[in-house]
């Protein structure tokens, strides 16, 4: 396999968790002739939305891919992780498209987000096996609007908005539970083997009883919630849902 991997500020803080059994994966070399994306328009549009760049060198060749973190700091601010494979690739290990995970339960109005994160905490999509030619990304569903900085006036905290490619106001209030955090998964291809995963501290979530990973398909009105598979990681929980596809995913816990 040929690939390059570029790590931005966020991915440098977020290590791939190899101790989690449900995150394990492998792949062998492919003898197929790789071809460019069948839908070149979707490929180009997805790369533009994800703010990803066209790979160069070996990553642009047959079997090549690149993983970058085109996170945005501005108005709004959010984390992002993008994968691009111009001709498709057979992954020889599990690739984690991961962004930071926070706990937004009870957040309303102006607030100061926590800056403390452990390297293993994160949420996103795990990819195994063959990746078709195309582009994909995971972005924080929580988009943060920074405070206005007007001379002579006090500066307040960030404002939280739940926004995705498909909706300027994702209906998180309709989720049957208290939303902890979530992400949007945008892809020009249907991944054959992908999982939506959340890894967070037990200090934030003492018990996984009653938790759900809820999915909202592009253009859909109703959430599809399922009980996740759970792995005890010592001081953290790993929660996963099989069959990840493009759309929005949130982790919900019982309301107090």
Protein backbone atom coordinates (compact mmCIF):
# COMPACT_ATOMS: atom_id res chain seq x y z
CA UNK A 1 0.00 0.00 0.00
CA UNK A 2 1.20 3.50 -0.77
CA UNK A 3 0.01 6.41 1.28
CA UNK A 4 0.96 9.65 2.91
CA UNK A 5 -0.50 10.97 6.13
CA UNK A 6 -0.50 14.60 7.24
CA UNK A 7 -1.41 15.38 10.82
CA UNK A 8 -2.73 18.78 11.85
CA UNK A 9 -2.84 20.24 15.37
CA UNK A 10 -5.85 18.21 16.41
CA UNK A 11 -4.77 14.80 15.07
CA UNK A 12 -1.42 15.24 16.77
CA UNK A 13 -3.35 15.32 20.04
CA UNK A 14 -5.57 12.41 19.14
CA UNK A 15 -3.74 9.06 18.86
CA UNK A 16 -5.26 6.03 17.14
CA UNK A 17 -6.46 3.69 19.87
CA UNK A 18 -5.07 0.28 19.02
CA UNK A 19 -5.99 -1.40 22.32
CA UNK A 20 -9.71 -1.38 21.56
CA UNK A 21 -10.71 -4.73 20.12
CA UNK A 22 -13.58 -3.30 18.11
CA UNK A 23 -11.17 -0.91 16.43
CA UNK A 24 -8.89 -3.67 15.16
CA UNK A 25 -8.71 -4.21 11.42
CA UNK A 26 -6.46 -5.37 8.63
CA UNK A 27 -6.30 -5.54 4.87
CA UNK A 28 -4.23 -7.19 2.20
CA UNK A 29 -2.75 -5.94 -1.01
CA UNK A 30 -5.15 -5.56 -3.91
CA UNK A 31 -4.49 -6.93 -7.35
CA UNK A 32 -7.36 -5.00 -8.88
CA UNK A 33 -6.72 -2.20 -11.32
CA UNK A 34 -7.79 0.95 -9.52
CA UNK A 35 -9.73 3.56 -11.45
CA UNK A 36 -10.63 7.22 -10.81
CA UNK A 37 -13.94 7.97 -9.05
CA UNK A 38 -16.97 6.89 -11.07
CA UNK A 39 -18.73 10.12 -10.09
CA UNK A 40 -16.07 12.76 -10.59
CA UNK A 41 -18.49 15.59 -9.78
CA UNK A 42 -19.29 14.10 -6.36
CA UNK A 43 -15.57 13.54 -5.73
CA UNK A 44 -14.71 17.16 -6.53
CA UNK A 45 -17.66 18.53 -4.57
CA UNK A 46 -16.85 16.42 -1.51
CA UNK A 47 -13.21 17.47 -1.55
CA UNK A 48 -14.28 21.12 -1.72
CA UNK A 49 -16.77 20.74 1.13
CA UNK A 50 -14.23 18.88 3.27
CA UNK A 51 -11.61 21.53 2.44
CA UNK A 52 -9.28 18.67 1.52
CA UNK A 53 -6.52 18.91 -1.06
CA UNK A 54 -5.80 16.63 -3.99
CA UNK A 55 -3.04 14.17 -2.97
CA UNK A 56 0.27 14.27 -4.77
CA UNK A 57 3.14 11.85 -5.24
CA UNK A 58 2.58 8.24 -4.17
CA UNK A 59 -0.72 9.12 -2.47
CA UNK A 60 -2.15 10.06 -5.87
CA UNK A 61 -1.18 6.76 -7.50
CA UNK A 62 -2.96 3.40 -7.62
CA UNK A 63 -3.51 2.18 -4.06
CA UNK A 64 -2.61 5.57 -2.56
CA UNK A 65 -4.49 7.71 -0.06
CA UNK A 66 -3.98 10.66 2.26
CA UNK A 67 -5.41 11.59 5.65
CA UNK A 68 -5.38 15.24 6.72
CA UNK A 69 -7.08 17.42 9.34
CA UNK A 70 -8.47 20.53 7.59
CA UNK A 71 -9.91 21.89 10.85
CA UNK A 72 -11.24 25.44 10.85
CA UNK A 73 -10.59 28.09 13.45
CA UNK A 74 -12.79 31.10 12.83
CA UNK A 75 -16.48 31.67 12.32
CA UNK A 76 -17.50 28.97 12.88
CA UNK A 77 -14.79 26.81 14.44
CA UNK A 78 -14.80 23.01 14.22
CA UNK A 79 -12.52 19.97 13.97
CA UNK A 80 -12.20 17.92 10.78
CA UNK A 81 -10.49 14.82 9.42
CA UNK A 82 -10.47 14.10 5.67
CA UNK A 83 -9.45 11.07 3.61
CA UNK A 84 -8.84 11.21 -0.15
CA UNK A 85 -7.99 8.26 -2.39
CA UNK A 86 -7.92 9.31 -6.07
CA UNK A 87 -7.83 5.72 -7.39
CA UNK A 88 -9.01 3.61 -4.46
CA UNK A 89 -6.93 1.62 -2.01
CA UNK A 90 -6.79 -1.57 0.04
CA UNK A 91 -6.16 -0.47 3.62
CA UNK A 92 -3.65 -2.63 5.46
CA UNK A 93 -4.72 -1.30 8.87
CA UNK A 94 -7.73 0.40 10.41
CA UNK A 95 -7.89 4.09 9.53
CA UNK A 96 -9.60 6.35 12.07
CA UNK A 97 -11.08 9.59 10.74
CA UNK A 98 -11.33 11.20 14.18
CA UNK A 99 -12.17 14.57 15.69
CA UNK A 100 -12.29 15.81 19.28
CA UNK A 101 -15.25 14.77 21.43
CA UNK A 102 -16.74 17.06 24.09
CA UNK A 103 -19.72 16.95 26.44
CA UNK A 104 -22.33 19.52 25.46
CA UNK A 105 -25.06 18.36 27.83
CA UNK A 106 -26.57 21.38 29.52
CA UNK A 107 -24.78 23.89 27.28
CA UNK A 108 -26.87 26.86 26.20
CA UNK A 109 -26.20 30.46 25.31
CA UNK A 110 -22.67 31.80 25.64
CA UNK A 111 -20.11 29.37 27.09
CA UNK A 112 -16.39 28.66 27.32
CA UNK A 113 -15.52 25.24 25.82
CA UNK A 114 -13.15 22.97 27.69
CA UNK A 115 -9.67 22.88 26.23
CA UNK A 116 -8.59 19.75 28.12
CA UNK A 117 -8.49 16.58 26.03
CA UNK A 118 -6.78 13.24 26.48
CA UNK A 119 -5.07 11.86 23.33
CA UNK A 120 -7.37 8.85 23.07
CA UNK A 121 -10.66 10.76 23.32
CA UNK A 122 -12.41 11.25 20.01
CA UNK A 123 -15.29 10.39 17.73
CA UNK A 124 -15.55 9.58 14.05
CA UNK A 125 -15.47 6.78 11.52
CA UNK A 126 -13.24 3.71 11.32
CA UNK A 127 -12.49 2.35 7.86
CA UNK A 128 -11.25 -1.16 7.06
CA UNK A 129 -10.58 -3.13 3.92
CA UNK A 130 -11.09 -1.62 0.52
CA UNK A 131 -11.76 2.11 0.09
CA UNK A 132 -13.30 3.02 -3.27
CA UNK A 133 -11.85 5.92 -5.23
CA UNK A 134 -13.24 9.10 -3.70
CA UNK A 135 -13.16 11.54 -0.82
CA UNK A 136 -14.69 11.60 2.65
CA UNK A 137 -14.48 13.56 5.86
CA UNK A 138 -15.67 13.72 9.44
CA UNK A 139 -16.44 17.14 10.90
CA UNK A 140 -17.67 18.20 14.33
CA UNK A 141 -21.43 18.61 14.31
CA UNK A 142 -21.06 21.31 16.97
CA UNK A 143 -20.05 24.48 15.17
CA UNK A 144 -18.78 27.19 17.52
CA UNK A 145 -19.27 30.88 16.76
CA UNK A 146 -16.58 32.97 18.46
CA UNK A 147 -17.43 36.06 20.51
CA UNK A 148 -17.45 39.49 18.90
CA UNK A 149 -14.41 41.52 19.78
CA UNK A 150 -15.64 45.10 19.87
CA UNK A 151 -13.38 47.69 21.54
CA UNK A 152 -14.93 49.03 24.70
CA UNK A 153 -17.42 46.18 25.07
CA UNK A 154 -17.02 43.00 27.16
CA UNK A 155 -16.16 39.79 25.34
CA UNK A 156 -18.31 36.74 26.01
CA UNK A 157 -17.91 33.05 25.19
CA UNK A 158 -18.67 30.93 22.15
CA UNK A 159 -22.15 30.16 20.85
CA UNK A 160 -23.02 26.54 20.02
CA UNK A 161 -24.86 25.61 16.84
CA UNK A 162 -25.57 22.09 15.53
CA UNK A 163 -24.95 22.37 11.77
CA UNK A 164 -24.25 19.88 8.98
CA UNK A 165 -23.90 19.84 5.22
CA UNK A 166 -27.58 18.98 4.97
CA UNK A 167 -29.05 21.27 7.63
CA UNK A 168 -28.20 24.67 9.18
CA UNK A 169 -30.02 23.53 12.34
CA UNK A 170 -29.75 19.77 12.96
CA UNK A 171 -32.78 18.75 15.10
CA UNK A 172 -30.81 17.42 18.08
CA UNK A 173 -33.78 18.32 20.33
CA UNK A 174 -35.64 15.40 18.71
CA UNK A 175 -33.03 12.86 19.82
CA UNK A 176 -34.51 10.58 22.53
CA UNK A 177 -31.90 11.42 25.12
CA UNK A 178 -29.34 14.04 26.12
CA UNK A 179 -26.89 14.62 23.25
CA UNK A 180 -23.27 14.48 24.41
CA UNK A 181 -21.63 15.27 21.07
CA UNK A 182 -21.80 14.33 17.40
CA UNK A 183 -20.25 14.54 13.96
CA UNK A 184 -21.20 14.68 10.31
CA UNK A 185 -19.80 12.09 7.91
CA UNK A 186 -19.62 13.28 4.30
CA UNK A 187 -18.46 10.87 1.59
CA UNK A 188 -18.50 10.54 -2.18
CA UNK A 189 -18.50 6.74 -1.82
CA UNK A 190 -20.36 4.16 0.26
CA UNK A 191 -17.73 2.60 2.56
CA UNK A 192 -18.06 -1.21 2.55
CA UNK A 193 -16.76 -1.65 6.11
CA UNK A 194 -17.10 1.37 8.41
CA UNK A 195 -18.07 2.01 12.03
CA UNK A 196 -19.16 5.12 13.89
CA UNK A 197 -17.16 5.32 17.13
CA UNK A 198 -17.11 7.47 20.27
CA UNK A 199 -14.31 7.21 22.84
CA UNK A 200 -14.77 9.26 26.01
CA UNK A 201 -13.82 9.33 29.65
CA UNK A 202 -15.73 7.51 32.36
CA UNK A 203 -15.55 10.73 34.36
CA UNK A 204 -17.93 12.20 31.76
CA UNK A 205 -20.04 9.08 31.37
CA UNK A 206 -20.08 6.93 34.49
CA UNK A 207 -22.28 4.24 32.90
CA UNK A 208 -23.16 3.29 29.33
CA UNK A 209 -26.57 1.99 30.45
CA UNK A 210 -29.24 3.52 28.23
CA UNK A 211 -26.81 5.14 25.79
CA UNK A 212 -27.49 5.21 22.05
CA UNK A 213 -25.71 6.18 18.86
CA UNK A 214 -28.31 7.94 16.75
CA UNK A 215 -28.07 8.40 12.98
CA UNK A 216 -29.79 10.97 10.77
CA UNK A 217 -29.57 10.20 7.06
CA UNK A 218 -29.15 13.08 4.58
CA UNK A 219 -32.55 14.70 4.06
CA UNK A 220 -34.24 12.50 6.69
CA UNK A 221 -36.52 13.85 9.41
CA UNK A 222 -36.35 11.03 11.95
CA UNK A 223 -33.41 9.75 13.95
CA UNK A 224 -32.45 6.06 13.90
CA UNK A 225 -31.08 5.19 17.35
CA UNK A 226 -29.35 1.94 18.26
CA UNK A 227 -27.68 0.58 21.37
CA UNK A 228 -23.93 0.67 20.72
CA UNK A 229 -21.44 -2.10 21.29
CA UNK A 230 -19.35 -1.14 24.33
CA UNK A 231 -15.73 -1.85 25.15
CA UNK A 232 -14.27 -1.09 28.58
CA UNK A 233 -10.95 0.68 28.02
CA UNK A 234 -10.04 1.13 31.67
CA UNK A 235 -10.55 4.82 32.32
CA UNK A 236 -12.48 5.31 29.06
CA UNK A 237 -15.45 3.83 27.19
CA UNK A 238 -15.42 2.83 23.53
CA UNK A 239 -18.86 2.85 21.92
CA UNK A 240 -19.41 1.78 18.30
CA UNK A 241 -22.12 1.32 15.69
CA UNK A 242 -21.56 -0.82 12.61
CA UNK A 243 -22.36 0.15 9.02
CA UNK A 244 -21.49 3.85 9.03
CA UNK A 245 -22.78 5.79 6.01
CA UNK A 246 -22.91 9.46 5.06
CA UNK A 247 -25.04 11.46 7.46
CA UNK A 248 -25.06 12.71 11.05
CA UNK A 249 -24.18 10.69 14.16
CA UNK A 250 -24.69 11.71 17.80
CA UNK A 251 -24.06 9.95 21.10
CA UNK A 252 -27.01 10.25 23.48
CA UNK A 253 -27.31 9.37 27.15
CA UNK A 254 -30.40 9.13 29.37
CA UNK A 255 -31.76 12.47 30.53
CA UNK A 256 -31.35 13.14 34.23
